Amino acid sequence: MENASKALIITASVLLGLMIVSVGVVLFKSFGGFSREITTEIQKKQISEFNAQFLKYEGKSFNSETNQNEIIKITTHDIVTLANLAQKNNIEYELTDKTQSKKKNESTYYVQINLEEGTNKNRNLEKWTEKELTNFMQENNMTGNNQTKYYYINNIVISHITGRVTYVEIKLL
């Protein structure tokens, strides 16, 4: 009788141990899934914030005076801002190699900024030096009759792989 009661106690303690381990595994899986969801949401928010820096210059805005949608006009200052954002991003991800800058390459975090002014095409503004960007701003800020020169974003490519902006094409308005 004494051996039977010891066997029952041992069996009960083994079953209790298995139940505790099972509950631990279930809790570990549920908390792991929760943290994975939180991490995914944080990454989506970061991508959205990154893209918003570029997308705020694209599209149309409503003009209450004319009751019409008008294209968003950008100036040379805005173009330099976009070039600096792209440059900062490319340096942050160490994407300074020229092979990374293929037009509309969606498998990389590289951001390319191109500008078309009539027949004049300026490629890879993100690679320009600060002096080149300053000269661009000074030379292209005004038209011949002292009017502000306006541009617009013709195309923005967002990667289907990374979900981030990879290419911005700007044209003279």
N, C-alpha and C. Protein backbone atom coordinates (compact mmCIF):
# COMPACT_ATOMS: atom_id res chain seq x y z
N MET A 1 0.82 -1.18 0.00
CA MET A 1 0.00 0.00 0.00
C MET A 1 0.87 1.26 0.00
N GLU A 2 1.96 1.17 0.74
CA GLU A 2 2.86 2.28 0.83
C GLU A 2 3.49 2.60 -0.52
N ASN A 3 3.84 1.61 -1.31
CA ASN A 3 4.43 1.80 -2.63
C ASN A 3 3.40 2.37 -3.62
N ALA A 4 2.14 1.94 -3.50
CA ALA A 4 1.09 2.43 -4.39
C ALA A 4 0.85 3.92 -4.15
N SER A 5 0.86 4.35 -2.89
CA SER A 5 0.64 5.76 -2.61
C SER A 5 1.82 6.60 -3.10
N LYS A 6 3.06 6.09 -2.97
CA LYS A 6 4.22 6.80 -3.49
C LYS A 6 4.15 6.90 -5.02
N ALA A 7 3.70 5.83 -5.68
CA ALA A 7 3.57 5.84 -7.14
C ALA A 7 2.53 6.87 -7.58
N LEU A 8 1.43 6.96 -6.85
CA LEU A 8 0.41 7.96 -7.18
C LEU A 8 0.94 9.38 -6.99
N ILE A 9 1.70 9.61 -5.96
CA ILE A 9 2.28 10.93 -5.69
C ILE A 9 3.27 11.30 -6.81
N ILE A 10 4.11 10.33 -7.21
CA ILE A 10 5.08 10.59 -8.28
C ILE A 10 4.35 10.88 -9.59
N THR A 11 3.32 10.09 -9.90
CA THR A 11 2.55 10.29 -11.13
C THR A 11 1.87 11.66 -11.11
N ALA A 12 1.31 12.04 -9.99
CA ALA A 12 0.64 13.33 -9.88
C ALA A 12 1.64 14.47 -10.06
N SER A 13 2.83 14.35 -9.48
CA SER A 13 3.83 15.41 -9.61
C SER A 13 4.34 15.50 -11.05
N VAL A 14 4.47 14.35 -11.74
CA VAL A 14 4.88 14.38 -13.15
C VAL A 14 3.80 15.07 -13.99
N LEU A 15 2.54 14.72 -13.77
CA LEU A 15 1.44 15.33 -14.51
C LEU A 15 1.35 16.83 -14.23
N LEU A 16 1.52 17.20 -12.98
CA LEU A 16 1.50 18.61 -12.61
C LEU A 16 2.66 19.36 -13.29
N GLY A 17 3.83 18.74 -13.34
CA GLY A 17 4.99 19.34 -14.02
C GLY A 17 4.72 19.53 -15.50
N LEU A 18 4.12 18.53 -16.14
CA LEU A 18 3.77 18.62 -17.56
C LEU A 18 2.76 19.73 -17.81
N MET A 19 1.80 19.87 -16.92
CA MET A 19 0.80 20.93 -17.08
C MET A 19 1.45 22.31 -16.95
N ILE A 20 2.37 22.46 -16.02
CA ILE A 20 3.05 23.73 -15.83
C ILE A 20 3.90 24.07 -17.06
N VAL A 21 4.61 23.08 -17.60
CA VAL A 21 5.42 23.29 -18.80
C VAL A 21 4.52 23.64 -19.98
N SER A 22 3.38 22.96 -20.13
CA SER A 22 2.45 23.24 -21.23
C SER A 22 1.91 24.67 -21.14
N VAL A 23 1.53 25.09 -19.95
CA VAL A 23 1.05 26.46 -19.77
C VAL A 23 2.16 27.45 -20.11
N GLY A 24 3.39 27.15 -19.72
CA GLY A 24 4.53 28.02 -20.04
C GLY A 24 4.73 28.14 -21.54
N VAL A 25 4.62 27.02 -22.27
CA VAL A 25 4.79 27.03 -23.72
C VAL A 25 3.68 27.86 -24.38
N VAL A 26 2.46 27.69 -23.93
CA VAL A 26 1.33 28.44 -24.49
C VAL A 26 1.52 29.94 -24.25
N LEU A 27 1.91 30.31 -23.04
CA LEU A 27 2.14 31.73 -22.73
C LEU A 27 3.30 32.29 -23.56
N PHE A 28 4.36 31.51 -23.72
CA PHE A 28 5.51 31.95 -24.50
C PHE A 28 5.10 32.21 -25.95
N LYS A 29 4.31 31.31 -26.52
CA LYS A 29 3.86 31.49 -27.91
C LYS A 29 2.95 32.71 -28.05
N SER A 30 2.04 32.89 -27.13
CA SER A 30 1.11 34.03 -27.25
C SER A 30 1.86 35.35 -27.05
N PHE A 31 2.78 35.43 -26.09
CA PHE A 31 3.54 36.66 -25.90
C PHE A 31 4.49 36.90 -27.06
N GLY A 32 5.05 35.84 -27.63
CA GLY A 32 5.92 35.96 -28.80
C GLY A 32 5.16 36.52 -29.99
N GLY A 33 3.95 36.04 -30.21
CA GLY A 33 3.12 36.55 -31.30
C GLY A 33 2.75 38.00 -31.08
N PHE A 34 2.46 38.36 -29.85
CA PHE A 34 2.12 39.74 -29.53
C PHE A 34 3.30 40.67 -29.80
N SER A 35 4.49 40.28 -29.37
CA SER A 35 5.65 41.14 -29.60
C SER A 35 5.98 41.22 -31.08
N ARG A 36 5.76 40.16 -31.84
CA ARG A 36 5.99 40.18 -33.28
C ARG A 36 5.02 41.17 -33.95
N GLU A 37 3.76 41.18 -33.50
CA GLU A 37 2.78 42.12 -34.04
C GLU A 37 3.17 43.56 -33.72
N ILE A 38 3.63 43.80 -32.51
CA ILE A 38 4.05 45.15 -32.11
C ILE A 38 5.23 45.60 -32.96
N THR A 39 6.20 44.71 -33.17
CA THR A 39 7.37 45.03 -33.98
C THR A 39 6.96 45.35 -35.41
N THR A 40 6.04 44.58 -35.96
CA THR A 40 5.54 44.82 -37.32
C THR A 40 4.85 46.17 -37.41
N GLU A 41 4.04 46.51 -36.42
CA GLU A 41 3.35 47.80 -36.41
C GLU A 41 4.34 48.96 -36.32
N ILE A 42 5.37 48.81 -35.53
CA ILE A 42 6.39 49.86 -35.40
C ILE A 42 7.10 50.05 -36.73
N GLN A 43 7.45 48.95 -37.41
CA GLN A 43 8.11 49.04 -38.71
C GLN A 43 7.20 49.72 -39.74
N LYS A 44 5.92 49.38 -39.74
CA LYS A 44 4.98 50.01 -40.68
C LYS A 44 4.89 51.52 -40.41
N LYS A 45 4.88 51.90 -39.14
CA LYS A 45 4.81 53.32 -38.79
C LYS A 45 6.07 54.05 -39.25
N GLN A 46 7.24 53.43 -39.08
CA GLN A 46 8.48 54.05 -39.51
C GLN A 46 8.52 54.23 -41.03
N ILE A 47 8.05 53.22 -41.76
CA ILE A 47 8.00 53.31 -43.22
C ILE A 47 7.03 54.41 -43.64
N SER A 48 5.89 54.47 -42.99
CA SER A 48 4.89 55.49 -43.31
C SER A 48 5.45 56.88 -43.06
N GLU A 49 6.15 57.08 -41.96
CA GLU A 49 6.74 58.39 -41.65
C GLU A 49 7.82 58.76 -42.67
N PHE A 50 8.62 57.76 -43.07
CA PHE A 50 9.66 58.00 -44.08
C PHE A 50 9.03 58.43 -45.40
N ASN A 51 8.03 57.68 -45.86
CA ASN A 51 7.37 57.98 -47.13
C ASN A 51 6.66 59.33 -47.10
N ALA A 52 6.11 59.69 -45.96
CA ALA A 52 5.37 60.95 -45.83
C ALA A 52 6.27 62.15 -46.12
N GLN A 53 7.56 62.04 -45.83
CA GLN A 53 8.49 63.13 -46.11
C GLN A 53 8.54 63.45 -47.60
N PHE A 54 8.35 62.44 -48.44
CA PHE A 54 8.38 62.62 -49.89
C PHE A 54 6.99 62.87 -50.45
N LEU A 55 6.01 62.14 -49.93
CA LEU A 55 4.66 62.19 -50.49
C LEU A 55 3.93 63.50 -50.23
N LYS A 56 4.37 64.26 -49.24
CA LYS A 56 3.69 65.53 -48.95
C LYS A 56 3.85 66.54 -50.08
N TYR A 57 4.83 66.31 -50.97
CA TYR A 57 5.05 67.21 -52.09
C TYR A 57 4.34 66.74 -53.37
N GLU A 58 3.68 65.59 -53.30
CA GLU A 58 3.06 65.01 -54.49
C GLU A 58 1.55 65.21 -54.47
N GLY A 59 0.97 65.27 -55.66
CA GLY A 59 -0.48 65.26 -55.75
C GLY A 59 -1.08 66.62 -56.00
N LYS A 60 -2.32 66.76 -55.54
CA LYS A 60 -3.07 67.99 -55.75
C LYS A 60 -3.61 68.49 -54.42
N SER A 61 -3.83 69.78 -54.36
CA SER A 61 -4.45 70.38 -53.17
C SER A 61 -5.64 71.20 -53.62
N PHE A 62 -6.58 71.38 -52.72
CA PHE A 62 -7.80 72.14 -53.05
C PHE A 62 -7.58 73.62 -52.81
N ASN A 63 -7.85 74.41 -53.82
CA ASN A 63 -7.74 75.86 -53.71
C ASN A 63 -9.14 76.41 -53.46
N SER A 64 -9.38 76.96 -52.29
CA SER A 64 -10.72 77.45 -51.93
C SER A 64 -11.12 78.69 -52.72
N GLU A 65 -10.15 79.45 -53.22
CA GLU A 65 -10.47 80.65 -54.00
C GLU A 65 -11.04 80.29 -55.37
N THR A 66 -10.46 79.26 -56.00
CA THR A 66 -10.92 78.87 -57.33
C THR A 66 -11.84 77.66 -57.30
N ASN A 67 -12.01 77.07 -56.13
CA ASN A 67 -12.81 75.85 -55.96
C ASN A 67 -12.36 74.73 -56.90
N GLN A 68 -11.05 74.60 -57.06
CA GLN A 68 -10.50 73.56 -57.91
C GLN A 68 -9.31 72.90 -57.23
N ASN A 69 -9.05 71.68 -57.67
CA ASN A 69 -7.84 71.00 -57.23
C ASN A 69 -6.68 71.49 -58.09
N GLU A 70 -5.62 71.89 -57.46
CA GLU A 70 -4.44 72.36 -58.17
C GLU A 70 -3.26 71.48 -57.80
N ILE A 71 -2.38 71.31 -58.76
CA ILE A 71 -1.18 70.50 -58.53
C ILE A 71 -0.33 71.17 -57.46
N ILE A 72 0.29 70.39 -56.61
CA ILE A 72 1.16 70.94 -55.56
C ILE A 72 2.43 71.45 -56.20
N LYS A 73 2.68 72.74 -56.03
CA LYS A 73 3.87 73.36 -56.60
C LYS A 73 5.01 73.27 -55.59
N ILE A 74 6.19 72.95 -56.10
CA ILE A 74 7.36 72.94 -55.24
C ILE A 74 8.42 73.86 -55.83
N THR A 75 9.28 74.36 -54.97
CA THR A 75 10.34 75.28 -55.38
C THR A 75 11.68 74.56 -55.35
N THR A 76 12.71 75.29 -55.74
CA THR A 76 14.06 74.71 -55.71
C THR A 76 14.45 74.34 -54.27
N HIS A 77 13.95 75.09 -53.31
CA HIS A 77 14.23 74.78 -51.90
C HIS A 77 13.66 73.41 -51.53
N ASP A 78 12.46 73.13 -52.00
CA ASP A 78 11.84 71.83 -51.74
C ASP A 78 12.61 70.71 -52.43
N ILE A 79 13.09 70.97 -53.64
CA ILE A 79 13.88 69.97 -54.37
C ILE A 79 15.16 69.65 -53.62
N VAL A 80 15.81 70.68 -53.11
CA VAL A 80 17.05 70.47 -52.34
C VAL A 80 16.73 69.71 -51.05
N THR A 81 15.60 70.02 -50.44
CA THR A 81 15.18 69.28 -49.24
C THR A 81 15.01 67.80 -49.56
N LEU A 82 14.34 67.49 -50.67
CA LEU A 82 14.15 66.09 -51.07
C LEU A 82 15.49 65.42 -51.37
N ALA A 83 16.38 66.13 -52.05
CA ALA A 83 17.70 65.57 -52.35
C ALA A 83 18.47 65.29 -51.06
N ASN A 84 18.37 66.20 -50.09
CA ASN A 84 19.05 65.99 -48.82
C ASN A 84 18.46 64.81 -48.04
N LEU A 85 17.13 64.67 -48.08
CA LEU A 85 16.49 63.53 -47.43
C LEU A 85 16.96 62.21 -48.05
N ALA A 86 17.01 62.18 -49.38
CA ALA A 86 17.47 60.98 -50.08
C ALA A 86 18.93 60.70 -49.75
N GLN A 87 19.73 61.75 -49.75
CA GLN A 87 21.16 61.61 -49.45
C GLN A 87 21.36 61.07 -48.03
N LYS A 88 20.63 61.62 -47.08
CA LYS A 88 20.72 61.17 -45.69
C LYS A 88 20.32 59.69 -45.57
N ASN A 89 19.25 59.32 -46.25
CA ASN A 89 18.80 57.93 -46.23
C ASN A 89 19.86 57.00 -46.83
N ASN A 90 20.41 57.39 -47.97
CA ASN A 90 21.38 56.54 -48.65
C ASN A 90 22.67 56.38 -47.84
N ILE A 91 23.06 57.42 -47.15
CA ILE A 91 24.24 57.33 -46.29
C ILE A 91 23.94 56.46 -45.07
N GLU A 92 22.75 56.62 -44.50
CA GLU A 92 22.35 55.84 -43.33
C GLU A 92 22.38 54.33 -43.63
N TYR A 93 21.94 53.95 -44.82
CA TYR A 93 21.93 52.54 -45.21
C TYR A 93 23.18 52.13 -45.98
N GLU A 94 24.18 53.04 -46.02
CA GLU A 94 25.46 52.79 -46.67
C GLU A 94 25.26 52.37 -48.13
N LEU A 95 24.39 53.11 -48.83
CA LEU A 95 24.08 52.83 -50.23
C LEU A 95 24.64 53.93 -51.11
N THR A 96 25.94 54.09 -51.09
CA THR A 96 26.56 55.15 -51.87
C THR A 96 27.18 54.61 -53.16
N ASP A 97 27.16 53.32 -53.37
CA ASP A 97 27.71 52.71 -54.57
C ASP A 97 26.82 53.04 -55.76
N LYS A 98 27.43 53.40 -56.89
CA LYS A 98 26.66 53.79 -58.06
C LYS A 98 25.80 52.66 -58.61
N THR A 99 26.16 51.43 -58.36
CA THR A 99 25.35 50.30 -58.85
C THR A 99 24.01 50.22 -58.14
N GLN A 100 23.90 50.85 -56.98
CA GLN A 100 22.65 50.84 -56.23
C GLN A 100 21.63 51.80 -56.81
N SER A 101 22.06 52.73 -57.66
CA SER A 101 21.19 53.83 -58.06
C SER A 101 20.48 53.59 -59.39
N LYS A 102 20.22 52.37 -59.74
CA LYS A 102 19.48 52.09 -60.97
C LYS A 102 18.06 52.63 -60.82
N LYS A 103 17.57 53.21 -61.89
CA LYS A 103 16.24 53.82 -61.85
C LYS A 103 15.19 52.79 -61.43
N LYS A 104 14.40 53.17 -60.45
CA LYS A 104 13.26 52.37 -59.99
C LYS A 104 13.66 50.98 -59.50
N ASN A 105 14.83 50.84 -58.88
CA ASN A 105 15.24 49.56 -58.30
C ASN A 105 14.46 49.36 -57.01
N GLU A 106 13.57 48.38 -56.99
CA GLU A 106 12.66 48.22 -55.86
C GLU A 106 13.19 47.30 -54.77
N SER A 107 14.34 46.68 -54.98
CA SER A 107 14.81 45.73 -53.98
C SER A 107 15.83 46.36 -53.03
N THR A 108 15.93 47.65 -53.01
CA THR A 108 16.90 48.33 -52.17
C THR A 108 16.24 49.50 -51.44
N TYR A 109 16.93 50.04 -50.45
CA TYR A 109 16.45 51.21 -49.74
C TYR A 109 16.97 52.50 -50.38
N TYR A 110 17.71 52.39 -51.47
CA TYR A 110 18.28 53.55 -52.14
C TYR A 110 17.16 54.44 -52.67
N VAL A 111 17.30 55.76 -52.47
CA VAL A 111 16.33 56.72 -52.98
C VAL A 111 17.02 57.58 -54.03
N GLN A 112 16.40 57.66 -55.20
CA GLN A 112 16.95 58.43 -56.31
C GLN A 112 16.03 59.60 -56.62
N ILE A 113 16.62 60.79 -56.85
CA ILE A 113 15.87 62.00 -57.19
C ILE A 113 16.34 62.47 -58.56
N ASN A 114 15.41 62.57 -59.52
CA ASN A 114 15.72 63.06 -60.86
C ASN A 114 14.87 64.27 -61.17
N LEU A 115 15.44 65.20 -61.95
CA LEU A 115 14.75 66.44 -62.30
C LEU A 115 14.82 66.64 -63.80
N GLU A 116 13.67 66.93 -64.41
CA GLU A 116 13.61 67.27 -65.83
C GLU A 116 13.09 68.69 -65.96
N GLU A 117 13.91 69.53 -66.59
CA GLU A 117 13.55 70.93 -66.86
C GLU A 117 13.55 71.11 -68.36
N GLY A 118 12.43 70.86 -69.01
CA GLY A 118 12.39 70.93 -70.47
C GLY A 118 13.27 69.83 -71.06
N THR A 119 14.31 70.22 -71.79
CA THR A 119 15.23 69.23 -72.35
C THR A 119 16.39 68.93 -71.42
N ASN A 120 16.56 69.74 -70.40
CA ASN A 120 17.65 69.56 -69.44
C ASN A 120 17.25 68.50 -68.41
N LYS A 121 18.05 67.45 -68.29
CA LYS A 121 17.75 66.39 -67.32
C LYS A 121 18.89 66.30 -66.31
N ASN A 122 18.53 66.45 -65.06
CA ASN A 122 19.49 66.31 -63.97
C ASN A 122 19.21 65.01 -63.25
N ARG A 123 20.11 64.09 -63.33
CA ARG A 123 19.94 62.78 -62.72
C ARG A 123 20.67 62.72 -61.38
N ASN A 124 20.12 61.94 -60.50
CA ASN A 124 20.77 61.61 -59.22
C ASN A 124 21.13 62.86 -58.41
N LEU A 125 20.14 63.70 -58.15
CA LEU A 125 20.38 64.87 -57.31
C LEU A 125 20.83 64.46 -55.91
N GLU A 126 20.50 63.24 -55.49
CA GLU A 126 20.90 62.76 -54.17
C GLU A 126 22.41 62.60 -54.05
N LYS A 127 23.12 62.61 -55.18
CA LYS A 127 24.58 62.46 -55.16
C LYS A 127 25.29 63.80 -55.25
N TRP A 128 24.54 64.86 -55.45
CA TRP A 128 25.16 66.17 -55.59
C TRP A 128 25.73 66.64 -54.26
N THR A 129 26.80 67.42 -54.35
CA THR A 129 27.41 67.99 -53.16
C THR A 129 26.56 69.17 -52.68
N GLU A 130 26.85 69.62 -51.50
CA GLU A 130 26.14 70.77 -50.95
C GLU A 130 26.33 72.00 -51.83
N LYS A 131 27.53 72.16 -52.36
CA LYS A 131 27.82 73.31 -53.23
C LYS A 131 27.02 73.21 -54.52
N GLU A 132 26.92 72.03 -55.11
CA GLU A 132 26.14 71.86 -56.34
C GLU A 132 24.66 72.14 -56.09
N LEU A 133 24.15 71.70 -54.96
CA LEU A 133 22.75 71.96 -54.62
C LEU A 133 22.50 73.44 -54.39
N THR A 134 23.43 74.10 -53.74
CA THR A 134 23.31 75.55 -53.51
C THR A 134 23.34 76.31 -54.83
N ASN A 135 24.24 75.93 -55.72
CA ASN A 135 24.31 76.57 -57.04
C ASN A 135 23.01 76.34 -57.81
N PHE A 136 22.49 75.13 -57.75
CA PHE A 136 21.23 74.82 -58.41
C PHE A 136 20.12 75.72 -57.90
N MET A 137 20.06 75.88 -56.58
CA MET A 137 19.03 76.71 -55.98
C MET A 137 19.17 78.17 -56.44
N GLN A 138 20.38 78.67 -56.45
CA GLN A 138 20.60 80.07 -56.84
C GLN A 138 20.29 80.30 -58.32
N GLU A 139 20.65 79.35 -59.17
CA GLU A 139 20.49 79.54 -60.61
C GLU A 139 19.07 79.26 -61.10
N ASN A 140 18.29 78.47 -60.36
CA ASN A 140 16.99 78.04 -60.85
C ASN A 140 15.82 78.51 -60.00
N ASN A 141 16.06 79.42 -59.11
CA ASN A 141 15.00 79.88 -58.21
C ASN A 141 13.99 80.79 -58.91
N MET A 142 14.45 81.59 -59.86
CA MET A 142 13.59 82.57 -60.52
C MET A 142 13.63 82.38 -62.03
N THR A 143 12.52 82.75 -62.68
CA THR A 143 12.48 82.74 -64.14
C THR A 143 13.10 84.03 -64.65
N GLY A 144 13.16 84.18 -65.97
CA GLY A 144 13.76 85.38 -66.57
C GLY A 144 13.04 86.66 -66.19
N ASN A 145 11.74 86.60 -65.91
CA ASN A 145 11.00 87.81 -65.55
C ASN A 145 10.75 87.91 -64.05
N ASN A 146 11.69 87.44 -63.26
CA ASN A 146 11.69 87.52 -61.80
C ASN A 146 10.45 86.91 -61.14
N GLN A 147 9.95 85.86 -61.71
CA GLN A 147 8.87 85.08 -61.11
C GLN A 147 9.48 83.81 -60.50
N THR A 148 8.89 83.36 -59.42
CA THR A 148 9.38 82.12 -58.80
C THR A 148 9.15 80.96 -59.76
N LYS A 149 10.16 80.14 -59.89
CA LYS A 149 10.09 78.96 -60.75
C LYS A 149 9.46 77.83 -59.94
N TYR A 150 8.43 77.21 -60.50
CA TYR A 150 7.76 76.13 -59.79
C TYR A 150 7.96 74.80 -60.51
N TYR A 151 7.99 73.76 -59.73
CA TYR A 151 8.14 72.40 -60.21
C TYR A 151 7.01 71.56 -59.62
N TYR A 152 6.90 70.33 -60.08
CA TYR A 152 5.94 69.40 -59.49
C TYR A 152 6.52 67.99 -59.56
N ILE A 153 6.02 67.15 -58.70
CA ILE A 153 6.47 65.75 -58.71
C ILE A 153 5.63 65.01 -59.73
N ASN A 154 6.30 64.50 -60.74
CA ASN A 154 5.64 63.79 -61.83
C ASN A 154 5.41 62.32 -61.47
N ASN A 155 6.34 61.74 -60.72
CA ASN A 155 6.25 60.31 -60.44
C ASN A 155 7.00 60.00 -59.14
N ILE A 156 6.38 59.19 -58.31
CA ILE A 156 7.05 58.63 -57.13
C ILE A 156 6.84 57.13 -57.19
N VAL A 157 7.93 56.39 -57.04
CA VAL A 157 7.85 54.93 -57.04
C VAL A 157 8.05 54.45 -55.61
N ILE A 158 7.11 53.65 -55.14
CA ILE A 158 7.22 53.02 -53.83
C ILE A 158 7.43 51.53 -54.07
N SER A 159 8.46 50.99 -53.48
CA SER A 159 8.83 49.59 -53.68
C SER A 159 7.75 48.65 -53.15
N HIS A 160 7.43 47.64 -53.94
CA HIS A 160 6.50 46.61 -53.48
C HIS A 160 7.19 45.66 -52.51
N ILE A 161 8.52 45.67 -52.54
CA ILE A 161 9.29 44.77 -51.66
C ILE A 161 9.52 45.41 -50.30
N THR A 162 10.04 46.65 -50.30
CA THR A 162 10.36 47.31 -49.04
C THR A 162 9.25 48.21 -48.52
N GLY A 163 8.35 48.64 -49.41
CA GLY A 163 7.27 49.54 -49.01
C GLY A 163 7.73 50.98 -48.88
N ARG A 164 8.96 51.27 -49.28
CA ARG A 164 9.54 52.61 -49.13
C ARG A 164 9.67 53.31 -50.47
N VAL A 165 9.73 54.63 -50.44
CA VAL A 165 9.98 55.41 -51.64
C VAL A 165 11.38 55.08 -52.15
N THR A 166 11.49 54.80 -53.46
CA THR A 166 12.79 54.50 -54.05
C THR A 166 13.15 55.46 -55.18
N TYR A 167 12.16 56.16 -55.74
CA TYR A 167 12.42 56.99 -56.91
C TYR A 167 11.46 58.17 -56.92
N VAL A 168 12.01 59.37 -57.17
CA VAL A 168 11.18 60.58 -57.27
C VAL A 168 11.60 61.30 -58.56
N GLU A 169 10.59 61.59 -59.40
CA GLU A 169 10.84 62.33 -60.64
C GLU A 169 10.14 63.67 -60.55
N ILE A 170 10.92 64.73 -60.75
CA ILE A 170 10.42 66.10 -60.65
C ILE A 170 10.50 66.75 -62.02
N LYS A 171 9.46 67.53 -62.35
CA LYS A 171 9.45 68.24 -63.63
C LYS A 171 9.13 69.71 -63.41
N LEU A 172 9.57 70.51 -64.37
CA LEU A 172 9.28 71.94 -64.35
C LEU A 172 7.81 72.15 -64.68
N LEU A 173 7.16 73.02 -63.92
CA LEU A 173 5.73 73.28 -64.13
C LEU A 173 5.53 74.21 -65.32
